Amino acid sequence: MKRLNQNAFRLNGLLVLLVGILVLTAGCSGKKARKRVLPGDDTLTAGTIHISVDESFRPVIDSQIRVFLSQHPDAHIFPHYKPEAECIKDLLVDSIRMVIVTRGLSEEEVKYYKDTLEFAPIFGKIASDAIAVVVNNKAKDSLFSMGDIRGMLNGTSGFKYELVMDGLNATSTVRFMLDSVLKGQPLKGNVKAARTSEEVINYVADHPNAIGFVGVSWIGNKEDSTQLSFLNRVNIAALQCRNCDKEVYVRPYQLNIARKRYPMIRGLYFILKENSEYMGLGKGFMNFLTQEKGQLIFHRAYLVPSRMAYEVRPVKIEENRF
């Protein structure tokens, strides 16, 4: 009995020692171990991810996903189209691996997400887009200066149009108008909200006194049957050229976007929520968007690719019809 008690005492002592070592080791490490990667069993070309996308770019991103999945049948990418501000919020949603919006991250945001996610998201520009101004086929006006647009937005213009956007807040189109056109002034004009870009086009088509603002990827591709039907119902207004020697009006053609002649241009960015060590499907889709095939899809959608050489040749452009 005495020997058994001694053995039990020794065993208990050994356990106490092991526990002490573990506690000491944990104390020396300071903070808990950082997460190295997001959880998932996906690879560069297989698996399932969810992404949040600015609704303004639904047509072109649908095309990108469709081509990518045709090349990688074991991959599944589920896009969630919503206003830009909601996409940015989704960076803190565990199931969202990537967002596609019209801006990158500020230094303050990079620091915040690095502290919160324990790594900094990767982001970069992939294309340039333009905000097109659409008018009813019966509209008398189809040429506007930026002063005209600004006056209609802040309520000081003599024009009596209804302005239609994809929402009155939280969208990239509204943010562009507030930041780049109104320079921080509030919207005081006759502005109406539609839920989507398609609803903007439909409203303008049905109301002769309406002017709509949509991303060029919704109406730029005349080879797309849906967009061709839109172009048959509305006209694309021309805006006063930004970098021209004389007073001319231009529409959001690729050449005018590439040369920054069209005055309402914005970028398109990816923000990838994977750290540099993780070779997941989000990174695989990012590679596709930034490399030749993805860039050609942007080109065919009448955006201007940011990651491939864009050759400009002298041609004659008929500006009277988009």
C-alpha atoms as a PDB file:
ATOM      1  CA  MET A   1       0.000   0.000   0.000  1.00  0.00           C
ATOM      2  CA  LYS A   2       2.844   2.394   0.870  1.00  0.00           C
ATOM      3  CA  ARG A   3       4.550   1.679  -2.495  1.00  0.00           C
ATOM      4  CA  LEU A   4       1.288   2.360  -4.349  1.00  0.00           C
ATOM      5  CA  ASN A   5       0.907   5.714  -2.531  1.00  0.00           C
ATOM      6  CA  GLN A   6       4.444   6.659  -3.438  1.00  0.00           C
ATOM      7  CA  ASN A   7       3.838   5.792  -7.107  1.00  0.00           C
ATOM      8  CA  ALA A   8       0.623   7.849  -7.118  1.00  0.00           C
ATOM      9  CA  PHE A   9       2.468  10.752  -5.523  1.00  0.00           C
ATOM     10  CA  ARG A  10       5.194  10.558  -8.175  1.00  0.00           C
ATOM     11  CA  LEU A  11       2.556  10.408 -10.966  1.00  0.00           C
ATOM     12  CA  ASN A  12       0.726  13.416  -9.589  1.00  0.00           C
ATOM     13  CA  GLY A  13       3.987  15.305  -9.334  1.00  0.00           C
ATOM     14  CA  LEU A  14       4.806  14.502 -12.956  1.00  0.00           C
ATOM     15  CA  LEU A  15       1.403  15.778 -14.086  1.00  0.00           C
ATOM     16  CA  VAL A  16       1.861  19.003 -12.131  1.00  0.00           C
ATOM     17  CA  LEU A  17       5.269  19.460 -13.758  1.00  0.00           C
ATOM     18  CA  LEU A  18       3.848  18.954 -17.263  1.00  0.00           C
ATOM     19  CA  VAL A  19       1.040  21.404 -16.615  1.00  0.00           C
ATOM     20  CA  GLY A  20       3.572  23.931 -15.326  1.00  0.00           C
ATOM     21  CA  ILE A  21       5.677  23.561 -18.473  1.00  0.00           C
ATOM     22  CA  LEU A  22       2.624  24.100 -20.687  1.00  0.00           C
ATOM     23  CA  VAL A  23       1.586  27.178 -18.748  1.00  0.00           C
ATOM     24  CA  LEU A  24       5.125  28.560 -18.863  1.00  0.00           C
ATOM     25  CA  THR A  25       5.307  27.948 -22.620  1.00  0.00           C
ATOM     26  CA  ALA A  26       1.977  29.674 -23.194  1.00  0.00           C
ATOM     27  CA  GLY A  27       3.121  32.605 -21.060  1.00  0.00           C
ATOM     28  CA  CYS A  28       6.340  32.990 -23.004  1.00  0.00           C
ATOM     29  CA  SER A  29       4.493  33.021 -26.314  1.00  0.00           C
ATOM     30  CA  GLY A  30       2.592  36.127 -25.205  1.00  0.00           C
ATOM     31  CA  LYS A  31      -0.419  36.306 -27.470  1.00  0.00           C
ATOM     32  CA  LYS A  32      -2.366  33.403 -28.874  1.00  0.00           C
ATOM     33  CA  ALA A  33      -1.117  31.944 -32.139  1.00  0.00           C
ATOM     34  CA  ARG A  34      -2.198  34.001 -35.123  1.00  0.00           C
ATOM     35  CA  LYS A  35      -4.338  32.517 -37.856  1.00  0.00           C
ATOM     36  CA  ARG A  36      -2.159  31.842 -40.873  1.00  0.00           C
ATOM     37  CA  VAL A  37      -4.927  31.301 -43.415  1.00  0.00           C
ATOM     38  CA  LEU A  38      -8.658  31.461 -43.707  1.00  0.00           C
ATOM     39  CA  PRO A  39     -10.328  28.088 -43.143  1.00  0.00           C
ATOM     40  CA  GLY A  40     -11.179  26.111 -46.235  1.00  0.00           C
ATOM     41  CA  ASP A  41     -10.205  23.129 -48.336  1.00  0.00           C
ATOM     42  CA  ASP A  42     -10.157  24.965 -51.678  1.00  0.00           C
ATOM     43  CA  THR A  43      -7.240  25.259 -54.092  1.00  0.00           C
ATOM     44  CA  LEU A  44      -6.385  27.665 -56.890  1.00  0.00           C
ATOM     45  CA  THR A  45      -8.707  25.825 -59.261  1.00  0.00           C
ATOM     46  CA  ALA A  46     -11.158  23.865 -57.093  1.00  0.00           C
ATOM     47  CA  GLY A  47     -13.476  24.324 -54.159  1.00  0.00           C
ATOM     48  CA  THR A  48     -16.256  26.734 -53.236  1.00  0.00           C
ATOM     49  CA  ILE A  49     -16.097  30.424 -52.333  1.00  0.00           C
ATOM     50  CA  HIS A  50     -18.493  33.355 -52.023  1.00  0.00           C
ATOM     51  CA  ILE A  51     -17.655  36.857 -53.239  1.00  0.00           C
ATOM     52  CA  SER A  52     -19.411  40.238 -52.895  1.00  0.00           C
ATOM     53  CA  VAL A  53     -19.584  42.412 -56.006  1.00  0.00           C
ATOM     54  CA  ASP A  54     -20.717  45.969 -56.653  1.00  0.00           C
ATOM     55  CA  GLU A  55     -24.025  45.573 -58.512  1.00  0.00           C
ATOM     56  CA  SER A  56     -22.851  48.075 -61.137  1.00  0.00           C
ATOM     57  CA  PHE A  57     -20.567  45.386 -62.568  1.00  0.00           C
ATOM     58  CA  ARG A  58     -22.914  42.394 -62.658  1.00  0.00           C
ATOM     59  CA  PRO A  59     -22.725  41.826 -66.460  1.00  0.00           C
ATOM     60  CA  VAL A  60     -18.941  41.757 -66.746  1.00  0.00           C
ATOM     61  CA  ILE A  61     -18.323  39.804 -63.525  1.00  0.00           C
ATOM     62  CA  ASP A  62     -20.947  37.236 -64.545  1.00  0.00           C
ATOM     63  CA  SER A  63     -18.945  36.800 -67.757  1.00  0.00           C
ATOM     64  CA  GLN A  64     -15.676  36.467 -65.844  1.00  0.00           C
ATOM     65  CA  ILE A  65     -17.096  33.810 -63.531  1.00  0.00           C
ATOM     66  CA  ARG A  66     -18.722  31.895 -66.380  1.00  0.00           C
ATOM     67  CA  VAL A  67     -15.453  31.629 -68.337  1.00  0.00           C
ATOM     68  CA  PHE A  68     -13.382  30.799 -65.240  1.00  0.00           C
ATOM     69  CA  LEU A  69     -15.759  27.988 -64.218  1.00  0.00           C
ATOM     70  CA  SER A  70     -15.804  26.583 -67.754  1.00  0.00           C
ATOM     71  CA  GLN A  71     -12.053  26.116 -67.477  1.00  0.00           C
ATOM     72  CA  HIS A  72     -12.152  24.763 -63.912  1.00  0.00           C
ATOM     73  CA  PRO A  73     -15.209  22.499 -63.488  1.00  0.00           C
ATOM     74  CA  ASP A  74     -14.309  21.659 -59.878  1.00  0.00           C
ATOM     75  CA  ALA A  75     -14.560  25.320 -58.861  1.00  0.00           C
ATOM     76  CA  HIS A  76     -17.715  27.019 -57.564  1.00  0.00           C
ATOM     77  CA  ILE A  77     -17.891  30.805 -57.182  1.00  0.00           C
ATOM     78  CA  PHE A  78     -21.084  32.342 -55.824  1.00  0.00           C
ATOM     79  CA  PRO A  79     -21.349  36.129 -56.392  1.00  0.00           C
ATOM     80  CA  HIS A  80     -23.526  38.326 -54.179  1.00  0.00           C
ATOM     81  CA  TYR A  81     -24.373  41.586 -55.959  1.00  0.00           C
ATOM     82  CA  LYS A  82     -25.112  44.515 -53.675  1.00  0.00           C
ATOM     83  CA  PRO A  83     -24.268  48.207 -53.048  1.00  0.00           C
ATOM     84  CA  GLU A  84     -20.579  48.982 -52.688  1.00  0.00           C
ATOM     85  CA  ALA A  85     -20.725  49.898 -49.001  1.00  0.00           C
ATOM     86  CA  GLU A  86     -22.321  46.546 -48.216  1.00  0.00           C
ATOM     87  CA  CYS A  87     -19.526  44.799 -50.122  1.00  0.00           C
ATOM     88  CA  ILE A  88     -16.910  46.568 -47.999  1.00  0.00           C
ATOM     89  CA  LYS A  89     -18.727  45.483 -44.836  1.00  0.00           C
ATOM     90  CA  ASP A  90     -18.602  41.903 -46.111  1.00  0.00           C
ATOM     91  CA  LEU A  91     -14.836  41.873 -45.615  1.00  0.00           C
ATOM     92  CA  LEU A  92     -15.697  40.992 -42.007  1.00  0.00           C
ATOM     93  CA  VAL A  93     -18.093  38.209 -43.021  1.00  0.00           C
ATOM     94  CA  ASP A  94     -16.374  34.835 -42.671  1.00  0.00           C
ATOM     95  CA  SER A  95     -17.961  33.297 -45.763  1.00  0.00           C
ATOM     96  CA  ILE A  96     -16.884  36.116 -48.122  1.00  0.00           C
ATOM     97  CA  ARG A  97     -13.474  35.560 -49.681  1.00  0.00           C
ATOM     98  CA  MET A  98     -13.270  38.521 -52.090  1.00  0.00           C
ATOM     99  CA  VAL A  99     -15.034  41.785 -52.856  1.00  0.00           C
ATOM    100  CA  ILE A 100     -15.030  43.652 -56.175  1.00  0.00           C
ATOM    101  CA  VAL A 101     -15.691  47.382 -55.876  1.00  0.00           C
ATOM    102  CA  THR A 102     -14.638  50.759 -57.300  1.00  0.00           C
ATOM    103  CA  ARG A 103     -11.898  51.525 -54.781  1.00  0.00           C
ATOM    104  CA  GLY A 104      -9.019  49.960 -52.926  1.00  0.00           C
ATOM    105  CA  LEU A 105      -8.260  50.253 -49.217  1.00  0.00           C
ATOM    106  CA  SER A 106      -6.836  53.274 -47.413  1.00  0.00           C
ATOM    107  CA  GLU A 107      -3.819  52.948 -45.114  1.00  0.00           C
ATOM    108  CA  GLU A 108      -6.146  53.191 -42.118  1.00  0.00           C
ATOM    109  CA  GLU A 109      -8.342  50.401 -43.494  1.00  0.00           C
ATOM    110  CA  VAL A 110      -5.349  48.180 -44.200  1.00  0.00           C
ATOM    111  CA  LYS A 111      -4.218  48.620 -40.605  1.00  0.00           C
ATOM    112  CA  TYR A 112      -7.730  47.958 -39.289  1.00  0.00           C
ATOM    113  CA  TYR A 113      -8.207  44.763 -41.286  1.00  0.00           C
ATOM    114  CA  LYS A 114      -4.699  43.607 -40.433  1.00  0.00           C
ATOM    115  CA  ASP A 115      -5.517  43.950 -36.738  1.00  0.00           C
ATOM    116  CA  THR A 116      -8.959  42.389 -37.131  1.00  0.00           C
ATOM    117  CA  LEU A 117      -8.251  39.589 -39.605  1.00  0.00           C
ATOM    118  CA  GLU A 118      -4.644  39.162 -38.463  1.00  0.00           C
ATOM    119  CA  PHE A 119      -3.387  39.696 -42.007  1.00  0.00           C
ATOM    120  CA  ALA A 120      -3.767  42.479 -44.571  1.00  0.00           C
ATOM    121  CA  PRO A 121      -6.102  41.832 -47.520  1.00  0.00           C
ATOM    122  CA  ILE A 122      -4.565  42.037 -50.994  1.00  0.00           C
ATOM    123  CA  PHE A 123      -6.090  44.571 -53.377  1.00  0.00           C
ATOM    124  CA  GLY A 124      -5.420  46.047 -56.783  1.00  0.00           C
ATOM    125  CA  LYS A 125      -6.933  47.743 -59.814  1.00  0.00           C
ATOM    126  CA  ILE A 126      -8.099  45.490 -62.637  1.00  0.00           C
ATOM    127  CA  ALA A 127      -9.965  47.821 -65.038  1.00  0.00           C
ATOM    128  CA  SER A 128     -11.300  51.325 -65.647  1.00  0.00           C
ATOM    129  CA  ASP A 129     -15.024  51.921 -65.970  1.00  0.00           C
ATOM    130  CA  ALA A 130     -17.191  54.943 -66.750  1.00  0.00           C
ATOM    131  CA  ILE A 131     -20.566  56.115 -65.533  1.00  0.00           C
ATOM    132  CA  ALA A 132     -22.809  56.496 -68.569  1.00  0.00           C
ATOM    133  CA  VAL A 133     -25.638  59.026 -68.738  1.00  0.00           C
ATOM    134  CA  VAL A 134     -28.740  57.513 -70.343  1.00  0.00           C
ATOM    135  CA  VAL A 135     -31.693  59.527 -71.637  1.00  0.00           C
ATOM    136  CA  ASN A 136     -35.067  58.615 -73.064  1.00  0.00           C
ATOM    137  CA  ASN A 137     -35.299  58.200 -76.836  1.00  0.00           C
ATOM    138  CA  LYS A 138     -37.638  61.203 -76.968  1.00  0.00           C
ATOM    139  CA  ALA A 139     -35.443  63.468 -74.824  1.00  0.00           C
ATOM    140  CA  LYS A 140     -34.581  66.817 -76.394  1.00  0.00           C
ATOM    141  CA  ASP A 141     -31.206  67.062 -74.641  1.00  0.00           C
ATOM    142  CA  SER A 142     -28.353  64.609 -75.173  1.00  0.00           C
ATOM    143  CA  LEU A 143     -25.304  66.876 -74.724  1.00  0.00           C
ATOM    144  CA  PHE A 144     -24.288  67.965 -71.224  1.00  0.00           C
ATOM    145  CA  SER A 145     -21.364  69.660 -69.558  1.00  0.00           C
ATOM    146  CA  MET A 146     -20.238  68.607 -66.105  1.00  0.00           C
ATOM    147  CA  GLY A 147     -21.635  71.941 -64.948  1.00  0.00           C
ATOM    148  CA  ASP A 148     -25.028  70.799 -66.214  1.00  0.00           C
ATOM    149  CA  ILE A 149     -24.732  67.473 -64.382  1.00  0.00           C
ATOM    150  CA  ARG A 150     -23.571  69.187 -61.193  1.00  0.00           C
ATOM    151  CA  GLY A 151     -26.410  71.698 -61.371  1.00  0.00           C
ATOM    152  CA  MET A 152     -29.022  68.973 -61.776  1.00  0.00           C
ATOM    153  CA  LEU A 153     -27.573  67.086 -58.820  1.00  0.00           C
ATOM    154  CA  ASN A 154     -27.498  70.063 -56.440  1.00  0.00           C
ATOM    155  CA  GLY A 155     -30.785  71.562 -57.602  1.00  0.00           C
ATOM    156  CA  THR A 156     -29.423  74.761 -59.173  1.00  0.00           C
ATOM    157  CA  SER A 157     -29.925  73.804 -62.820  1.00  0.00           C
ATOM    158  CA  GLY A 158     -32.672  75.010 -65.133  1.00  0.00           C
ATOM    159  CA  PHE A 159     -33.163  71.457 -66.405  1.00  0.00           C
ATOM    160  CA  LYS A 160     -36.371  69.777 -65.217  1.00  0.00           C
ATOM    161  CA  TYR A 161     -35.248  66.161 -65.417  1.00  0.00           C
ATOM    162  CA  GLU A 162     -35.690  63.390 -62.877  1.00  0.00           C
ATOM    163  CA  LEU A 163     -32.292  61.907 -62.037  1.00  0.00           C
ATOM    164  CA  VAL A 164     -32.319  58.155 -61.439  1.00  0.00           C
ATOM    165  CA  MET A 165     -29.544  56.189 -59.714  1.00  0.00           C
ATOM    166  CA  ASP A 166     -29.183  52.713 -58.283  1.00  0.00           C
ATOM    167  CA  GLY A 167     -30.030  53.849 -54.755  1.00  0.00           C
ATOM    168  CA  LEU A 168     -29.660  57.110 -52.830  1.00  0.00           C
ATOM    169  CA  ASN A 169     -26.820  55.907 -50.602  1.00  0.00           C
ATOM    170  CA  ALA A 170     -24.265  53.138 -50.188  1.00  0.00           C
ATOM    171  CA  THR A 171     -23.742  52.629 -53.946  1.00  0.00           C
ATOM    172  CA  SER A 172     -20.572  53.376 -55.884  1.00  0.00           C
ATOM    173  CA  THR A 173     -22.493  55.542 -58.354  1.00  0.00           C
ATOM    174  CA  VAL A 174     -23.896  57.752 -55.598  1.00  0.00           C
ATOM    175  CA  ARG A 175     -20.467  57.946 -53.907  1.00  0.00           C
ATOM    176  CA  PHE A 176     -18.885  59.029 -57.200  1.00  0.00           C
ATOM    177  CA  MET A 177     -21.489  61.760 -57.661  1.00  0.00           C
ATOM    178  CA  LEU A 178     -21.021  63.030 -54.108  1.00  0.00           C
ATOM    179  CA  ASP A 179     -17.223  62.836 -54.035  1.00  0.00           C
ATOM    180  CA  SER A 180     -16.134  63.511 -57.623  1.00  0.00           C
ATOM    181  CA  VAL A 181     -18.957  65.624 -59.054  1.00  0.00           C
ATOM    182  CA  LEU A 182     -20.469  67.497 -56.094  1.00  0.00           C
ATOM    183  CA  LYS A 183     -17.183  67.571 -54.144  1.00  0.00           C
ATOM    184  CA  GLY A 184     -18.934  66.757 -50.883  1.00  0.00           C
ATOM    185  CA  GLN A 185     -22.076  68.837 -51.419  1.00  0.00           C
ATOM    186  CA  PRO A 186     -25.405  67.091 -50.702  1.00  0.00           C
ATOM    187  CA  LEU A 187     -27.836  65.831 -53.318  1.00  0.00           C
ATOM    188  CA  LYS A 188     -30.598  68.432 -53.568  1.00  0.00           C
ATOM    189  CA  GLY A 189     -31.887  67.855 -57.068  1.00  0.00           C
ATOM    190  CA  ASN A 190     -34.841  65.773 -58.191  1.00  0.00           C
ATOM    191  CA  VAL A 191     -33.087  62.461 -57.574  1.00  0.00           C
ATOM    192  CA  LYS A 192     -34.907  59.135 -57.494  1.00  0.00           C
ATOM    193  CA  ALA A 193     -33.656  55.724 -56.403  1.00  0.00           C
ATOM    194  CA  ALA A 194     -33.932  52.463 -58.290  1.00  0.00           C
ATOM    195  CA  ARG A 195     -32.902  49.158 -56.769  1.00  0.00           C
ATOM    196  CA  THR A 196     -30.605  48.053 -59.600  1.00  0.00           C
ATOM    197  CA  SER A 197     -28.915  49.394 -62.713  1.00  0.00           C
ATOM    198  CA  GLU A 198     -31.394  47.496 -64.876  1.00  0.00           C
ATOM    199  CA  GLU A 199     -34.251  49.284 -63.114  1.00  0.00           C
ATOM    200  CA  VAL A 200     -32.526  52.609 -63.832  1.00  0.00           C
ATOM    201  CA  ILE A 201     -32.515  51.831 -67.561  1.00  0.00           C
ATOM    202  CA  ASN A 202     -36.135  50.623 -67.529  1.00  0.00           C
ATOM    203  CA  TYR A 203     -37.293  53.754 -65.693  1.00  0.00           C
ATOM    204  CA  VAL A 204     -35.552  56.061 -68.174  1.00  0.00           C
ATOM    205  CA  ALA A 205     -37.000  54.096 -71.092  1.00  0.00           C
ATOM    206  CA  ASP A 206     -40.523  54.595 -69.715  1.00  0.00           C
ATOM    207  CA  HIS A 207     -40.200  58.269 -68.647  1.00  0.00           C
ATOM    208  CA  PRO A 208     -39.224  60.918 -71.237  1.00  0.00           C
ATOM    209  CA  ASN A 209     -38.177  63.396 -68.511  1.00  0.00           C
ATOM    210  CA  ALA A 210     -35.770  61.004 -66.765  1.00  0.00           C
ATOM    211  CA  ILE A 211     -31.966  60.799 -66.893  1.00  0.00           C
ATOM    212  CA  GLY A 212     -30.188  57.738 -65.521  1.00  0.00           C
ATOM    213  CA  PHE A 213     -26.651  56.967 -64.404  1.00  0.00           C
ATOM    214  CA  VAL A 214     -25.274  53.424 -64.881  1.00  0.00           C
ATOM    215  CA  GLY A 215     -21.933  51.683 -65.243  1.00  0.00           C
ATOM    216  CA  VAL A 216     -20.833  51.360 -68.873  1.00  0.00           C
ATOM    217  CA  SER A 217     -20.686  47.564 -68.569  1.00  0.00           C
ATOM    218  CA  TRP A 218     -24.519  47.592 -68.559  1.00  0.00           C
ATOM    219  CA  ILE A 219     -24.853  49.251 -71.971  1.00  0.00           C
ATOM    220  CA  GLY A 220     -21.423  49.165 -73.613  1.00  0.00           C
ATOM    221  CA  ASN A 221     -21.407  45.736 -75.240  1.00  0.00           C
ATOM    222  CA  LYS A 222     -23.499  45.788 -78.415  1.00  0.00           C
ATOM    223  CA  GLU A 223     -22.714  42.100 -78.945  1.00  0.00           C
ATOM    224  CA  ASP A 224     -24.721  41.247 -75.806  1.00  0.00           C
ATOM    225  CA  SER A 225     -28.399  40.718 -76.667  1.00  0.00           C
ATOM    226  CA  THR A 226     -29.611  42.101 -73.330  1.00  0.00           C
ATOM    227  CA  GLN A 227     -27.533  45.246 -73.610  1.00  0.00           C
ATOM    228  CA  LEU A 228     -28.543  45.652 -77.245  1.00  0.00           C
ATOM    229  CA  SER A 229     -32.179  45.652 -76.123  1.00  0.00           C
ATOM    230  CA  PHE A 230     -31.315  48.393 -73.629  1.00  0.00           C
ATOM    231  CA  LEU A 231     -29.664  50.471 -76.364  1.00  0.00           C
ATOM    232  CA  ASN A 232     -32.809  50.200 -78.457  1.00  0.00           C
ATOM    233  CA  ARG A 233     -34.836  51.733 -75.623  1.00  0.00           C
ATOM    234  CA  VAL A 234     -32.552  54.561 -74.419  1.00  0.00           C
ATOM    235  CA  ASN A 235     -29.873  56.845 -75.811  1.00  0.00           C
ATOM    236  CA  ILE A 236     -26.421  57.480 -74.392  1.00  0.00           C
ATOM    237  CA  ALA A 237     -25.800  61.161 -73.723  1.00  0.00           C
ATOM    238  CA  ALA A 238     -22.450  62.787 -74.560  1.00  0.00           C
ATOM    239  CA  LEU A 239     -20.537  64.843 -71.996  1.00  0.00           C
ATOM    240  CA  GLN A 240     -18.166  67.720 -72.626  1.00  0.00           C
ATOM    241  CA  CYS A 241     -14.651  66.395 -73.178  1.00  0.00           C
ATOM    242  CA  ARG A 242     -12.297  66.796 -70.235  1.00  0.00           C
ATOM    243  CA  ASN A 243      -8.948  66.883 -72.045  1.00  0.00           C
ATOM    244  CA  CYS A 244      -9.721  68.358 -75.442  1.00  0.00           C
ATOM    245  CA  ASP A 245      -8.345  71.488 -77.089  1.00  0.00           C
ATOM    246  CA  LYS A 246     -11.772  72.556 -78.309  1.00  0.00           C
ATOM    247  CA  GLU A 247     -15.320  72.162 -77.078  1.00  0.00           C
ATOM    248  CA  VAL A 248     -16.429  68.689 -78.084  1.00  0.00           C
ATOM    249  CA  TYR A 249     -18.741  66.161 -76.485  1.00  0.00           C
ATOM    250  CA  VAL A 250     -17.813  62.517 -76.069  1.00  0.00           C
ATOM    251  CA  ARG A 251     -19.503  59.279 -75.053  1.00  0.00           C
ATOM    252  CA  PRO A 252     -17.981  56.571 -72.820  1.00  0.00           C
ATOM    253  CA  TYR A 253     -16.150  54.652 -75.547  1.00  0.00           C
ATOM    254  CA  GLN A 254     -13.051  52.715 -74.542  1.00  0.00           C
ATOM    255  CA  LEU A 255     -10.797  55.222 -76.304  1.00  0.00           C
ATOM    256  CA  ASN A 256     -12.352  58.117 -74.397  1.00  0.00           C
ATOM    257  CA  ILE A 257     -11.956  56.205 -71.120  1.00  0.00           C
ATOM    258  CA  ALA A 258      -8.360  55.185 -71.874  1.00  0.00           C
ATOM    259  CA  ARG A 259      -7.349  58.744 -72.789  1.00  0.00           C
ATOM    260  CA  LYS A 260      -9.379  60.205 -69.917  1.00  0.00           C
ATOM    261  CA  ARG A 261     -11.418  62.318 -72.306  1.00  0.00           C
ATOM    262  CA  TYR A 262     -14.703  61.201 -70.799  1.00  0.00           C
ATOM    263  CA  PRO A 263     -15.170  63.072 -67.490  1.00  0.00           C
ATOM    264  CA  MET A 264     -16.824  60.397 -65.316  1.00  0.00           C
ATOM    265  CA  ILE A 265     -14.287  57.574 -65.036  1.00  0.00           C
ATOM    266  CA  ARG A 266     -13.744  55.264 -62.077  1.00  0.00           C
ATOM    267  CA  GLY A 267     -11.580  52.254 -61.334  1.00  0.00           C
ATOM    268  CA  LEU A 268     -12.561  48.648 -60.653  1.00  0.00           C
ATOM    269  CA  TYR A 269     -10.668  46.861 -57.854  1.00  0.00           C
ATOM    270  CA  PHE A 270     -10.502  43.436 -56.253  1.00  0.00           C
ATOM    271  CA  ILE A 271      -9.925  43.056 -52.510  1.00  0.00           C
ATOM    272  CA  LEU A 272      -8.857  39.502 -51.672  1.00  0.00           C
ATOM    273  CA  LYS A 273      -9.365  38.210 -48.139  1.00  0.00           C
ATOM    274  CA  GLU A 274      -6.582  35.620 -48.192  1.00  0.00           C
ATOM    275  CA  ASN A 275      -3.103  36.052 -46.830  1.00  0.00           C
ATOM    276  CA  SER A 276      -0.053  35.711 -49.049  1.00  0.00           C
ATOM    277  CA  GLU A 277       0.626  32.112 -47.966  1.00  0.00           C
ATOM    278  CA  TYR A 278      -2.778  30.680 -48.815  1.00  0.00           C
ATOM    279  CA  MET A 279      -3.189  29.303 -52.344  1.00  0.00           C
ATOM    280  CA  GLY A 280      -6.993  29.259 -52.388  1.00  0.00           C
ATOM    281  CA  LEU A 281      -9.714  29.681 -54.990  1.00  0.00           C
ATOM    282  CA  GLY A 282      -9.945  33.395 -54.266  1.00  0.00           C
ATOM    283  CA  LYS A 283      -6.327  33.796 -55.333  1.00  0.00           C
ATOM    284  CA  GLY A 284      -6.962  31.603 -58.361  1.00  0.00           C
ATOM    285  CA  PHE A 285      -9.837  33.858 -59.463  1.00  0.00           C
ATOM    286  CA  MET A 286      -7.731  36.950 -58.742  1.00  0.00           C
ATOM    287  CA  ASN A 287      -4.994  35.571 -61.009  1.00  0.00           C
ATOM    288  CA  PHE A 288      -7.574  35.000 -63.733  1.00  0.00           C
ATOM    289  CA  LEU A 289      -8.916  38.566 -63.473  1.00  0.00           C
ATOM    290  CA  THR A 290      -5.457  40.112 -63.657  1.00  0.00           C
ATOM    291  CA  GLN A 291      -4.027  37.926 -66.403  1.00  0.00           C
ATOM    292  CA  GLU A 292      -4.655  37.782 -70.152  1.00  0.00           C
ATOM    293  CA  LYS A 293      -7.999  35.959 -70.349  1.00  0.00           C
ATOM    294  CA  GLY A 294      -9.672  37.984 -67.639  1.00  0.00           C
ATOM    295  CA  GLN A 295      -8.293  41.229 -69.021  1.00  0.00           C
ATOM    296  CA  LEU A 296      -9.606  40.371 -72.490  1.00  0.00           C
ATOM    297  CA  ILE A 297     -13.068  39.854 -70.997  1.00  0.00           C
ATOM    298  CA  PHE A 298     -12.931  43.367 -69.543  1.00  0.00           C
ATOM    299  CA  HIS A 299     -11.838  44.612 -72.960  1.00  0.00           C
ATOM    300  CA  ARG A 300     -14.744  42.886 -74.722  1.00  0.00           C
ATOM    301  CA  ALA A 301     -17.137  44.340 -72.141  1.00  0.00           C
ATOM    302  CA  TYR A 302     -15.941  47.820 -73.229  1.00  0.00           C
ATOM    303  CA  LEU A 303     -14.065  48.558 -70.014  1.00  0.00           C
ATOM    304  CA  VAL A 304     -10.366  49.451 -70.194  1.00  0.00           C
ATOM    305  CA  PRO A 305      -8.114  46.678 -68.778  1.00  0.00           C
ATOM    306  CA  SER A 306      -5.526  47.814 -66.239  1.00  0.00           C
ATOM    307  CA  ARG A 307      -3.123  44.869 -66.448  1.00  0.00           C
ATOM    308  CA  MET A 308      -2.519  44.490 -70.184  1.00  0.00           C
ATOM    309  CA  ALA A 309      -1.079  46.707 -72.884  1.00  0.00           C
ATOM    310  CA  TYR A 310      -3.795  48.735 -74.568  1.00  0.00           C
ATOM    311  CA  GLU A 311      -2.901  49.799 -78.093  1.00  0.00           C
ATOM    312  CA  VAL A 312      -4.476  53.023 -79.334  1.00  0.00           C
ATOM    313  CA  ARG A 313      -4.814  53.348 -83.111  1.00  0.00           C
ATOM    314  CA  PRO A 314      -6.029  56.391 -85.045  1.00  0.00           C
ATOM    315  CA  VAL A 315      -9.659  55.773 -86.058  1.00  0.00           C
ATOM    316  CA  LYS A 316     -12.705  57.870 -86.840  1.00  0.00           C
ATOM    317  CA  ILE A 317     -15.406  57.613 -84.176  1.00  0.00           C
ATOM    318  CA  GLU A 318     -19.040  58.391 -84.811  1.00  0.00           C
ATOM    319  CA  GLU A 319     -20.123  60.048 -81.566  1.00  0.00           C
ATOM    320  CA  ASN A 320     -23.738  60.507 -82.645  1.00  0.00           C
ATOM    321  CA  ARG A 321     -24.751  57.003 -81.507  1.00  0.00           C
ATOM    322  CA  PHE A 322     -23.239  54.677 -78.903  1.00  0.00           C
END
